[in-house]
């Protein structure tokens, strides 16, 4: 499951023009931020989370708060393997685009190997494989639940598919969205 809507106003960021060098503080603020006050999970998300016997999440605040709002915070294992892969970026002073535009440009560049000021995709995939190991081990004992982040959830999902798991259910990629994988 993906975490809830972050407190950082992404719509406001879309309006601001920033150079890549100015993008770093925006990313840093996002990484330490919490959830927006009104970001609450839907009943189906709560039911899915509570139905699982093992719960995992990243160490990031927005993920831990999402677990609190799902009612599973006392029964969750946090692990750095599930932290979102940071968006790489340059230190250029020009040109200036909206922060969303830069995030798309740099994430696409990341997919083809760009990793300056971020994490290499190969490292994210290595973490994804280790995270999949944890999830598979937990799933061998009962249903396992991961509250994660958009990109790392995709990396983990790809790794699970390579291992023979099938995505049987998905309700999109928005905040509080989820996918179910079965062996």
N, C-alpha and C. Protein backbone atom coordinates (compact mmCIF):
# COMPACT_ATOMS: atom_id res chain seq x y z
N UNK A 1 0.85 -1.18 0.00
CA UNK A 1 0.00 0.00 0.00
C UNK A 1 0.89 1.24 0.00
N UNK A 2 0.45 2.26 -0.71
CA UNK A 2 1.17 3.52 -0.71
C UNK A 2 0.69 4.37 0.47
N UNK A 3 1.59 5.16 1.02
CA UNK A 3 1.26 6.04 2.14
C UNK A 3 0.21 7.08 1.76
N UNK A 4 -0.30 7.78 2.76
CA UNK A 4 -1.28 8.84 2.54
C UNK A 4 -0.65 10.09 1.94
N UNK A 5 -1.50 11.09 1.67
CA UNK A 5 -1.05 12.35 1.05
C UNK A 5 -0.12 13.09 2.00
N UNK A 6 1.05 13.50 1.52
CA UNK A 6 2.01 14.20 2.38
C UNK A 6 1.57 15.62 2.72
N UNK A 7 2.13 16.15 3.81
CA UNK A 7 1.79 17.50 4.23
C UNK A 7 2.36 18.56 3.30
N UNK A 8 3.45 18.25 2.61
CA UNK A 8 4.03 19.19 1.67
C UNK A 8 3.04 19.39 0.53
N UNK A 9 2.65 20.63 0.28
CA UNK A 9 1.64 20.95 -0.72
C UNK A 9 2.23 20.82 -2.13
N UNK A 10 2.05 19.65 -2.73
CA UNK A 10 2.62 19.40 -4.05
C UNK A 10 1.98 20.26 -5.13
N UNK A 11 0.70 20.63 -4.94
CA UNK A 11 0.04 21.50 -5.91
C UNK A 11 0.70 22.88 -5.92
N UNK A 12 1.06 23.38 -4.74
CA UNK A 12 1.74 24.68 -4.65
C UNK A 12 3.13 24.59 -5.29
N UNK A 13 3.80 23.47 -5.11
CA UNK A 13 5.13 23.29 -5.70
C UNK A 13 5.08 23.32 -7.22
N UNK A 14 4.00 22.84 -7.79
CA UNK A 14 3.87 22.83 -9.25
C UNK A 14 3.94 24.24 -9.82
N UNK A 15 3.52 25.22 -9.02
CA UNK A 15 3.47 26.61 -9.47
C UNK A 15 4.82 27.31 -9.33
N UNK A 16 5.70 26.80 -8.48
CA UNK A 16 6.99 27.45 -8.22
C UNK A 16 8.02 27.03 -9.25
N UNK A 17 8.73 27.99 -9.79
CA UNK A 17 9.83 27.71 -10.71
C UNK A 17 11.12 27.65 -9.90
N UNK A 18 11.84 26.54 -10.04
CA UNK A 18 13.09 26.36 -9.31
C UNK A 18 14.16 25.81 -10.24
N UNK A 19 15.39 26.17 -9.91
CA UNK A 19 16.54 25.57 -10.59
C UNK A 19 16.84 24.25 -9.89
N UNK A 20 17.52 23.32 -10.55
CA UNK A 20 17.84 22.05 -9.89
C UNK A 20 18.55 22.23 -8.55
N UNK A 21 19.43 23.22 -8.44
CA UNK A 21 20.13 23.45 -7.17
C UNK A 21 19.16 23.82 -6.05
N UNK A 22 18.05 24.47 -6.41
CA UNK A 22 17.04 24.85 -5.41
C UNK A 22 16.07 23.72 -5.13
N UNK A 23 16.16 22.66 -5.91
CA UNK A 23 15.27 21.51 -5.77
C UNK A 23 15.65 20.66 -4.55
N UNK A 24 16.93 20.66 -4.19
CA UNK A 24 17.42 19.84 -3.07
C UNK A 24 16.70 20.14 -1.76
N UNK A 25 16.51 21.42 -1.36
CA UNK A 25 15.80 21.67 -0.11
C UNK A 25 14.33 21.22 -0.16
N UNK A 26 13.72 21.30 -1.34
CA UNK A 26 12.34 20.82 -1.50
C UNK A 26 12.29 19.32 -1.24
N UNK A 27 13.24 18.60 -1.83
CA UNK A 27 13.30 17.15 -1.64
C UNK A 27 13.56 16.81 -0.18
N UNK A 28 14.47 17.55 0.45
CA UNK A 28 14.79 17.29 1.86
C UNK A 28 13.57 17.51 2.75
N UNK A 29 12.82 18.56 2.47
CA UNK A 29 11.61 18.85 3.26
C UNK A 29 10.58 17.73 3.08
N UNK A 30 10.44 17.24 1.86
CA UNK A 30 9.50 16.16 1.58
C UNK A 30 9.90 14.88 2.33
N UNK A 31 11.19 14.57 2.33
CA UNK A 31 11.65 13.32 2.95
C UNK A 31 11.44 13.28 4.45
N UNK A 32 11.48 14.41 5.14
CA UNK A 32 11.29 14.41 6.59
C UNK A 32 9.85 14.75 6.98
N UNK A 33 9.02 15.06 5.99
CA UNK A 33 7.66 15.50 6.26
C UNK A 33 6.71 14.40 6.70
N UNK A 34 5.60 14.85 7.21
CA UNK A 34 4.55 13.96 7.70
C UNK A 34 3.40 13.93 6.69
N UNK A 35 2.27 13.37 7.11
CA UNK A 35 1.07 13.36 6.27
C UNK A 35 0.27 14.64 6.49
N UNK A 36 -0.50 15.00 5.48
CA UNK A 36 -1.45 16.10 5.62
C UNK A 36 -2.49 15.71 6.66
N UNK A 37 -2.97 16.69 7.41
CA UNK A 37 -3.95 16.42 8.48
C UNK A 37 -5.18 15.68 7.98
N UNK A 38 -5.68 16.04 6.82
CA UNK A 38 -6.91 15.43 6.32
C UNK A 38 -6.72 14.15 5.52
N UNK A 39 -5.52 13.65 5.45
CA UNK A 39 -5.27 12.43 4.67
C UNK A 39 -5.58 11.21 5.51
N UNK A 40 -6.74 10.64 5.24
CA UNK A 40 -7.19 9.47 6.01
C UNK A 40 -7.43 8.29 5.08
N UNK A 41 -7.11 7.10 5.53
CA UNK A 41 -7.33 5.91 4.69
C UNK A 41 -8.81 5.59 4.55
N UNK A 42 -9.17 4.98 3.44
CA UNK A 42 -10.55 4.53 3.24
C UNK A 42 -10.74 3.20 3.98
N UNK A 43 -11.96 2.83 4.18
CA UNK A 43 -12.28 1.63 4.97
C UNK A 43 -11.67 0.36 4.41
N UNK A 44 -11.63 0.25 3.08
CA UNK A 44 -11.04 -0.94 2.47
C UNK A 44 -9.56 -1.05 2.80
N UNK A 45 -8.85 0.09 2.79
CA UNK A 45 -7.42 0.09 3.14
C UNK A 45 -7.22 -0.37 4.58
N UNK A 46 -8.04 0.13 5.48
CA UNK A 46 -7.95 -0.26 6.89
C UNK A 46 -8.20 -1.76 7.05
N UNK A 47 -9.23 -2.25 6.37
CA UNK A 47 -9.57 -3.67 6.47
C UNK A 47 -8.44 -4.56 5.95
N UNK A 48 -7.84 -4.17 4.83
CA UNK A 48 -6.73 -4.96 4.26
C UNK A 48 -5.55 -4.97 5.22
N UNK A 49 -5.20 -3.81 5.74
CA UNK A 49 -4.05 -3.73 6.66
C UNK A 49 -4.28 -4.58 7.90
N UNK A 50 -5.45 -4.47 8.49
CA UNK A 50 -5.72 -5.19 9.73
C UNK A 50 -5.88 -6.69 9.53
N UNK A 51 -6.19 -7.12 8.31
CA UNK A 51 -6.37 -8.55 8.04
C UNK A 51 -5.04 -9.31 7.96
N UNK A 52 -3.95 -8.58 7.81
CA UNK A 52 -2.64 -9.24 7.65
C UNK A 52 -2.00 -9.53 9.01
N UNK A 53 -1.22 -10.60 9.03
CA UNK A 53 -0.60 -11.01 10.29
C UNK A 53 0.75 -10.35 10.53
N UNK A 54 1.43 -9.91 9.49
CA UNK A 54 2.72 -9.21 9.61
C UNK A 54 2.64 -7.89 8.87
N UNK A 55 3.21 -6.84 9.47
CA UNK A 55 3.16 -5.49 8.90
C UNK A 55 4.56 -4.91 8.82
N UNK A 56 4.87 -4.29 7.68
CA UNK A 56 6.17 -3.66 7.46
C UNK A 56 5.96 -2.25 6.91
N UNK A 57 6.92 -1.37 7.20
CA UNK A 57 6.91 -0.04 6.62
C UNK A 57 8.32 0.51 6.59
N UNK A 58 8.49 1.64 5.92
CA UNK A 58 9.80 2.29 5.88
C UNK A 58 9.98 3.11 7.16
N UNK A 59 11.15 3.66 7.31
CA UNK A 59 11.45 4.47 8.48
C UNK A 59 11.00 5.92 8.31
N UNK A 60 10.53 6.30 7.14
CA UNK A 60 10.12 7.68 6.90
C UNK A 60 8.84 8.01 7.67
N UNK A 61 8.79 9.24 8.14
CA UNK A 61 7.68 9.69 9.00
C UNK A 61 6.32 9.51 8.34
N UNK A 62 6.20 9.87 7.04
CA UNK A 62 4.90 9.78 6.39
C UNK A 62 4.40 8.33 6.31
N UNK A 63 5.33 7.39 6.25
CA UNK A 63 4.95 5.97 6.23
C UNK A 63 4.51 5.52 7.63
N UNK A 64 5.26 5.92 8.65
CA UNK A 64 4.90 5.52 10.03
C UNK A 64 3.56 6.13 10.45
N UNK A 65 3.33 7.40 10.06
CA UNK A 65 2.05 8.03 10.38
C UNK A 65 0.91 7.34 9.63
N UNK A 66 1.17 6.90 8.40
CA UNK A 66 0.15 6.17 7.65
C UNK A 66 -0.24 4.90 8.40
N UNK A 67 0.73 4.21 8.98
CA UNK A 67 0.44 3.00 9.76
C UNK A 67 -0.39 3.34 10.99
N UNK A 68 -0.11 4.48 11.62
CA UNK A 68 -0.92 4.92 12.76
C UNK A 68 -2.37 5.13 12.33
N UNK A 69 -2.56 5.78 11.20
CA UNK A 69 -3.92 6.06 10.72
C UNK A 69 -4.65 4.80 10.25
N UNK A 70 -3.89 3.78 9.90
CA UNK A 70 -4.49 2.48 9.55
C UNK A 70 -4.80 1.65 10.80
N UNK A 71 -4.27 2.06 11.94
CA UNK A 71 -4.51 1.34 13.18
C UNK A 71 -3.60 0.14 13.38
N UNK A 72 -2.42 0.14 12.74
CA UNK A 72 -1.50 -0.99 12.86
C UNK A 72 -0.13 -0.58 13.41
N UNK A 73 -0.01 0.64 13.91
CA UNK A 73 1.30 1.18 14.32
C UNK A 73 1.97 0.36 15.41
N UNK A 74 1.21 -0.26 16.27
CA UNK A 74 1.80 -1.03 17.37
C UNK A 74 2.29 -2.41 16.92
N UNK A 75 1.98 -2.77 15.69
CA UNK A 75 2.31 -4.11 15.20
C UNK A 75 3.08 -4.05 13.88
N UNK A 76 3.92 -3.01 13.72
CA UNK A 76 4.61 -2.83 12.45
C UNK A 76 6.12 -2.86 12.65
N UNK A 77 6.80 -3.50 11.70
CA UNK A 77 8.26 -3.54 11.69
C UNK A 77 8.74 -2.48 10.70
N UNK A 78 9.53 -1.52 11.16
CA UNK A 78 10.08 -0.51 10.25
C UNK A 78 11.45 -0.98 9.76
N UNK A 79 11.73 -0.67 8.50
CA UNK A 79 13.01 -1.09 7.94
C UNK A 79 13.43 -0.11 6.84
N UNK A 80 14.72 0.22 6.82
CA UNK A 80 15.26 1.14 5.81
C UNK A 80 15.20 0.57 4.39
N UNK A 81 15.07 -0.73 4.26
CA UNK A 81 14.96 -1.32 2.92
C UNK A 81 13.76 -0.77 2.15
N UNK A 82 12.73 -0.34 2.88
CA UNK A 82 11.49 0.08 2.24
C UNK A 82 11.39 1.59 2.04
N UNK A 83 12.45 2.34 2.38
CA UNK A 83 12.46 3.79 2.20
C UNK A 83 12.43 4.11 0.70
N UNK A 84 11.74 5.20 0.36
CA UNK A 84 11.67 5.61 -1.04
C UNK A 84 13.06 5.92 -1.58
N UNK A 85 13.28 5.56 -2.83
CA UNK A 85 14.54 5.89 -3.49
C UNK A 85 14.57 7.39 -3.76
N UNK A 86 15.56 8.10 -3.21
CA UNK A 86 15.60 9.56 -3.39
C UNK A 86 15.72 9.95 -4.86
N UNK A 87 15.09 11.05 -5.21
CA UNK A 87 15.18 11.55 -6.59
C UNK A 87 16.55 12.19 -6.77
N UNK A 88 17.30 11.74 -7.77
CA UNK A 88 18.59 12.38 -8.02
C UNK A 88 18.37 13.77 -8.60
N UNK A 89 19.39 14.61 -8.55
CA UNK A 89 19.29 15.95 -9.11
C UNK A 89 20.67 16.54 -9.31
N UNK A 90 20.74 17.55 -10.16
CA UNK A 90 22.01 18.24 -10.40
C UNK A 90 22.10 19.46 -9.49
N UNK A 91 23.22 20.14 -9.57
CA UNK A 91 23.42 21.37 -8.80
C UNK A 91 23.38 22.59 -9.72
N UNK A 92 22.75 22.46 -10.88
CA UNK A 92 22.68 23.56 -11.84
C UNK A 92 21.87 24.73 -11.26
N UNK A 93 22.23 25.93 -11.65
CA UNK A 93 21.49 27.13 -11.26
C UNK A 93 20.41 27.49 -12.29
N UNK A 94 20.49 26.90 -13.46
CA UNK A 94 19.52 27.14 -14.54
C UNK A 94 19.31 25.83 -15.28
N UNK A 95 18.25 25.65 -15.98
CA UNK A 95 17.06 26.48 -16.11
C UNK A 95 16.12 26.29 -14.92
N UNK A 96 15.06 27.07 -14.90
CA UNK A 96 14.08 26.97 -13.82
C UNK A 96 12.77 26.42 -14.39
N UNK A 97 12.32 25.34 -13.77
CA UNK A 97 11.05 24.72 -14.11
C UNK A 97 10.29 24.47 -12.82
N UNK A 98 9.05 24.04 -12.94
CA UNK A 98 8.28 23.66 -11.77
C UNK A 98 8.91 22.43 -11.10
N UNK A 99 8.77 22.34 -9.79
CA UNK A 99 9.36 21.23 -9.05
C UNK A 99 8.84 19.88 -9.56
N UNK A 100 7.57 19.83 -9.93
CA UNK A 100 7.03 18.57 -10.48
C UNK A 100 7.71 18.21 -11.80
N UNK A 101 7.95 19.21 -12.63
CA UNK A 101 8.64 18.95 -13.89
C UNK A 101 10.03 18.39 -13.63
N UNK A 102 10.77 19.00 -12.69
CA UNK A 102 12.09 18.50 -12.35
C UNK A 102 12.01 17.08 -11.81
N UNK A 103 11.02 16.81 -10.97
CA UNK A 103 10.94 15.46 -10.40
C UNK A 103 10.70 14.43 -11.51
N UNK A 104 9.91 14.77 -12.49
CA UNK A 104 9.68 13.85 -13.62
C UNK A 104 10.95 13.69 -14.45
N UNK A 105 11.60 14.80 -14.76
CA UNK A 105 12.84 14.74 -15.56
C UNK A 105 13.89 13.89 -14.85
N UNK A 106 14.10 14.16 -13.56
CA UNK A 106 15.14 13.44 -12.83
C UNK A 106 14.77 11.98 -12.56
N UNK A 107 13.48 11.69 -12.39
CA UNK A 107 13.10 10.28 -12.18
C UNK A 107 13.27 9.50 -13.48
N UNK A 108 12.93 10.09 -14.61
CA UNK A 108 13.15 9.41 -15.89
C UNK A 108 14.65 9.22 -16.12
N UNK A 109 15.44 10.24 -15.82
CA UNK A 109 16.90 10.11 -15.95
C UNK A 109 17.42 9.01 -15.03
N UNK A 110 16.84 8.89 -13.85
CA UNK A 110 17.21 7.84 -12.89
C UNK A 110 17.00 6.46 -13.50
N UNK A 111 15.91 6.30 -14.25
CA UNK A 111 15.60 5.01 -14.86
C UNK A 111 16.66 4.57 -15.86
N UNK A 112 17.40 5.54 -16.41
CA UNK A 112 18.46 5.20 -17.37
C UNK A 112 19.86 5.36 -16.76
N UNK A 113 19.93 5.47 -15.43
CA UNK A 113 21.22 5.43 -14.77
C UNK A 113 21.71 6.68 -14.08
N UNK A 114 21.01 7.80 -14.19
CA UNK A 114 21.45 9.04 -13.52
C UNK A 114 21.21 8.91 -12.02
N UNK A 115 22.24 9.22 -11.23
CA UNK A 115 22.10 9.05 -9.78
C UNK A 115 22.74 10.16 -8.96
N UNK A 116 23.17 11.26 -9.58
CA UNK A 116 23.82 12.34 -8.83
C UNK A 116 22.93 12.83 -7.69
N UNK A 117 23.49 12.93 -6.51
CA UNK A 117 22.78 13.38 -5.30
C UNK A 117 21.61 12.47 -4.94
N UNK A 118 21.62 11.25 -5.40
CA UNK A 118 20.53 10.32 -5.11
C UNK A 118 21.05 8.90 -4.98
N UNK A 119 20.21 7.96 -5.31
CA UNK A 119 20.55 6.54 -5.23
C UNK A 119 20.50 5.95 -6.63
N UNK A 120 21.49 5.16 -6.98
CA UNK A 120 21.49 4.50 -8.28
C UNK A 120 20.33 3.50 -8.35
N UNK A 121 19.75 3.35 -9.53
CA UNK A 121 18.66 2.41 -9.70
C UNK A 121 19.11 0.99 -9.36
N UNK A 122 20.37 0.67 -9.64
CA UNK A 122 20.87 -0.67 -9.30
C UNK A 122 20.86 -0.89 -7.79
N UNK A 123 21.16 0.16 -7.02
CA UNK A 123 21.11 0.05 -5.56
C UNK A 123 19.67 -0.10 -5.07
N UNK A 124 18.75 0.64 -5.70
CA UNK A 124 17.33 0.53 -5.33
C UNK A 124 16.82 -0.89 -5.63
N UNK A 125 17.24 -1.45 -6.74
CA UNK A 125 16.82 -2.82 -7.09
C UNK A 125 17.42 -3.84 -6.12
N UNK A 126 18.65 -3.58 -5.68
CA UNK A 126 19.27 -4.48 -4.70
C UNK A 126 18.49 -4.42 -3.37
N UNK A 127 18.11 -3.20 -2.95
CA UNK A 127 17.28 -3.06 -1.75
C UNK A 127 15.93 -3.74 -1.95
N UNK A 128 15.39 -3.60 -3.17
CA UNK A 128 14.11 -4.23 -3.48
C UNK A 128 14.18 -5.74 -3.35
N UNK A 129 15.28 -6.32 -3.79
CA UNK A 129 15.45 -7.78 -3.67
C UNK A 129 15.54 -8.18 -2.19
N UNK A 130 16.25 -7.40 -1.40
CA UNK A 130 16.36 -7.70 0.03
C UNK A 130 15.00 -7.52 0.72
N UNK A 131 14.27 -6.48 0.33
CA UNK A 131 12.93 -6.27 0.88
C UNK A 131 11.99 -7.40 0.50
N UNK A 132 12.09 -7.87 -0.74
CA UNK A 132 11.27 -8.99 -1.18
C UNK A 132 11.60 -10.25 -0.38
N UNK A 133 12.88 -10.42 -0.03
CA UNK A 133 13.26 -11.55 0.83
C UNK A 133 12.49 -11.50 2.15
N UNK A 134 12.46 -10.32 2.76
CA UNK A 134 11.74 -10.16 4.04
C UNK A 134 10.25 -10.44 3.88
N UNK A 135 9.67 -9.90 2.83
CA UNK A 135 8.23 -10.09 2.61
C UNK A 135 7.90 -11.55 2.32
N UNK A 136 8.71 -12.21 1.51
CA UNK A 136 8.46 -13.63 1.22
C UNK A 136 8.56 -14.48 2.47
N UNK A 137 9.55 -14.20 3.29
CA UNK A 137 9.71 -14.96 4.53
C UNK A 137 8.49 -14.77 5.43
N UNK A 138 8.02 -13.53 5.55
CA UNK A 138 6.84 -13.26 6.36
C UNK A 138 5.59 -13.90 5.75
N UNK A 139 5.47 -13.85 4.42
CA UNK A 139 4.30 -14.41 3.74
C UNK A 139 4.23 -15.93 3.87
N UNK A 140 5.36 -16.56 4.11
CA UNK A 140 5.36 -18.01 4.31
C UNK A 140 4.66 -18.39 5.60
N UNK A 141 4.51 -17.41 6.51
CA UNK A 141 3.87 -17.66 7.81
C UNK A 141 2.47 -17.06 7.90
N UNK A 142 2.03 -16.33 6.89
CA UNK A 142 0.72 -15.69 6.90
C UNK A 142 0.76 -14.46 5.99
N UNK A 143 -0.37 -13.79 5.84
CA UNK A 143 -0.42 -12.62 4.97
C UNK A 143 0.49 -11.52 5.49
N UNK A 144 1.28 -10.94 4.58
CA UNK A 144 2.21 -9.85 4.93
C UNK A 144 1.72 -8.56 4.28
N UNK A 145 1.91 -7.46 4.98
CA UNK A 145 1.46 -6.14 4.54
C UNK A 145 2.65 -5.18 4.53
N UNK A 146 2.80 -4.43 3.44
CA UNK A 146 3.83 -3.40 3.37
C UNK A 146 3.16 -2.06 3.11
N UNK A 147 3.43 -1.09 3.96
CA UNK A 147 3.03 0.29 3.72
C UNK A 147 4.29 0.98 3.22
N UNK A 148 4.31 1.33 1.94
CA UNK A 148 5.53 1.86 1.35
C UNK A 148 5.32 3.13 0.55
N UNK A 149 6.15 3.27 -0.47
CA UNK A 149 6.24 4.48 -1.28
C UNK A 149 6.13 4.12 -2.75
N UNK A 150 5.69 5.07 -3.56
CA UNK A 150 5.41 4.82 -4.97
C UNK A 150 6.49 4.09 -5.75
N UNK A 151 7.69 4.64 -5.79
CA UNK A 151 8.75 4.03 -6.60
C UNK A 151 9.22 2.71 -5.99
N UNK A 152 9.49 2.69 -4.70
CA UNK A 152 9.96 1.45 -4.09
C UNK A 152 8.90 0.36 -4.15
N UNK A 153 7.63 0.71 -4.06
CA UNK A 153 6.58 -0.30 -4.22
C UNK A 153 6.64 -0.91 -5.61
N UNK A 154 6.93 -0.08 -6.63
CA UNK A 154 7.05 -0.61 -7.99
C UNK A 154 8.28 -1.51 -8.11
N UNK A 155 9.38 -1.09 -7.51
CA UNK A 155 10.60 -1.91 -7.55
C UNK A 155 10.34 -3.25 -6.87
N UNK A 156 9.72 -3.22 -5.69
CA UNK A 156 9.40 -4.46 -4.97
C UNK A 156 8.43 -5.32 -5.76
N UNK A 157 7.42 -4.70 -6.34
CA UNK A 157 6.46 -5.44 -7.15
C UNK A 157 7.12 -6.14 -8.32
N UNK A 158 8.04 -5.44 -8.98
CA UNK A 158 8.79 -6.05 -10.09
C UNK A 158 9.61 -7.24 -9.64
N UNK A 159 10.23 -7.10 -8.47
CA UNK A 159 11.03 -8.20 -7.93
C UNK A 159 10.14 -9.39 -7.57
N UNK A 160 8.99 -9.13 -6.97
CA UNK A 160 8.08 -10.22 -6.62
C UNK A 160 7.59 -10.94 -7.88
N UNK A 161 7.29 -10.19 -8.94
CA UNK A 161 6.87 -10.80 -10.20
C UNK A 161 7.97 -11.70 -10.76
N UNK A 162 9.22 -11.23 -10.69
CA UNK A 162 10.35 -12.04 -11.18
C UNK A 162 10.45 -13.34 -10.40
N UNK A 163 9.97 -13.34 -9.17
CA UNK A 163 10.04 -14.53 -8.31
C UNK A 163 8.80 -15.41 -8.43
N UNK A 164 7.92 -15.08 -9.35
CA UNK A 164 6.75 -15.92 -9.57
C UNK A 164 5.47 -15.48 -8.88
N UNK A 165 5.49 -14.31 -8.26
CA UNK A 165 4.28 -13.79 -7.64
C UNK A 165 3.44 -13.09 -8.71
N UNK A 166 2.12 -13.12 -8.54
CA UNK A 166 1.21 -12.46 -9.48
C UNK A 166 0.44 -11.36 -8.77
N UNK A 167 0.33 -10.20 -9.43
CA UNK A 167 -0.50 -9.13 -8.89
C UNK A 167 -1.94 -9.47 -9.23
N UNK A 168 -2.73 -9.80 -8.22
CA UNK A 168 -4.11 -10.23 -8.45
C UNK A 168 -5.12 -9.11 -8.29
N UNK A 169 -4.74 -8.06 -7.58
CA UNK A 169 -5.64 -6.93 -7.34
C UNK A 169 -4.81 -5.66 -7.29
N UNK A 170 -5.35 -4.57 -7.84
CA UNK A 170 -4.72 -3.26 -7.72
C UNK A 170 -5.79 -2.20 -7.89
N UNK A 171 -5.72 -1.16 -7.07
CA UNK A 171 -6.69 -0.08 -7.23
C UNK A 171 -5.99 1.23 -7.61
N UNK A 172 -4.87 1.14 -8.29
CA UNK A 172 -4.19 2.33 -8.80
C UNK A 172 -2.89 2.62 -8.08
N UNK A 173 -2.44 3.86 -8.22
CA UNK A 173 -1.16 4.26 -7.64
C UNK A 173 -1.26 5.55 -6.84
N UNK A 174 -2.46 5.95 -6.49
CA UNK A 174 -2.66 7.18 -5.73
C UNK A 174 -2.33 6.93 -4.25
N UNK A 175 -2.43 7.96 -3.44
CA UNK A 175 -2.23 7.78 -2.00
C UNK A 175 -3.27 6.81 -1.46
N UNK A 176 -2.87 5.95 -0.54
CA UNK A 176 -3.67 4.90 0.07
C UNK A 176 -4.06 3.80 -0.91
N UNK A 177 -3.47 3.79 -2.12
CA UNK A 177 -3.77 2.71 -3.06
C UNK A 177 -3.02 1.45 -2.64
N UNK A 178 -3.45 0.31 -3.16
CA UNK A 178 -2.83 -0.94 -2.79
C UNK A 178 -2.82 -1.92 -3.95
N UNK A 179 -1.96 -2.90 -3.84
CA UNK A 179 -1.93 -4.02 -4.77
C UNK A 179 -1.76 -5.28 -3.94
N UNK A 180 -2.36 -6.36 -4.40
CA UNK A 180 -2.23 -7.64 -3.70
C UNK A 180 -1.48 -8.60 -4.61
N UNK A 181 -0.45 -9.22 -4.06
CA UNK A 181 0.36 -10.21 -4.77
C UNK A 181 0.14 -11.58 -4.13
N UNK A 182 0.01 -12.59 -4.98
CA UNK A 182 -0.13 -13.96 -4.51
C UNK A 182 0.85 -14.85 -5.23
N UNK A 183 1.33 -15.87 -4.53
CA UNK A 183 2.29 -16.81 -5.11
C UNK A 183 1.53 -17.86 -5.89
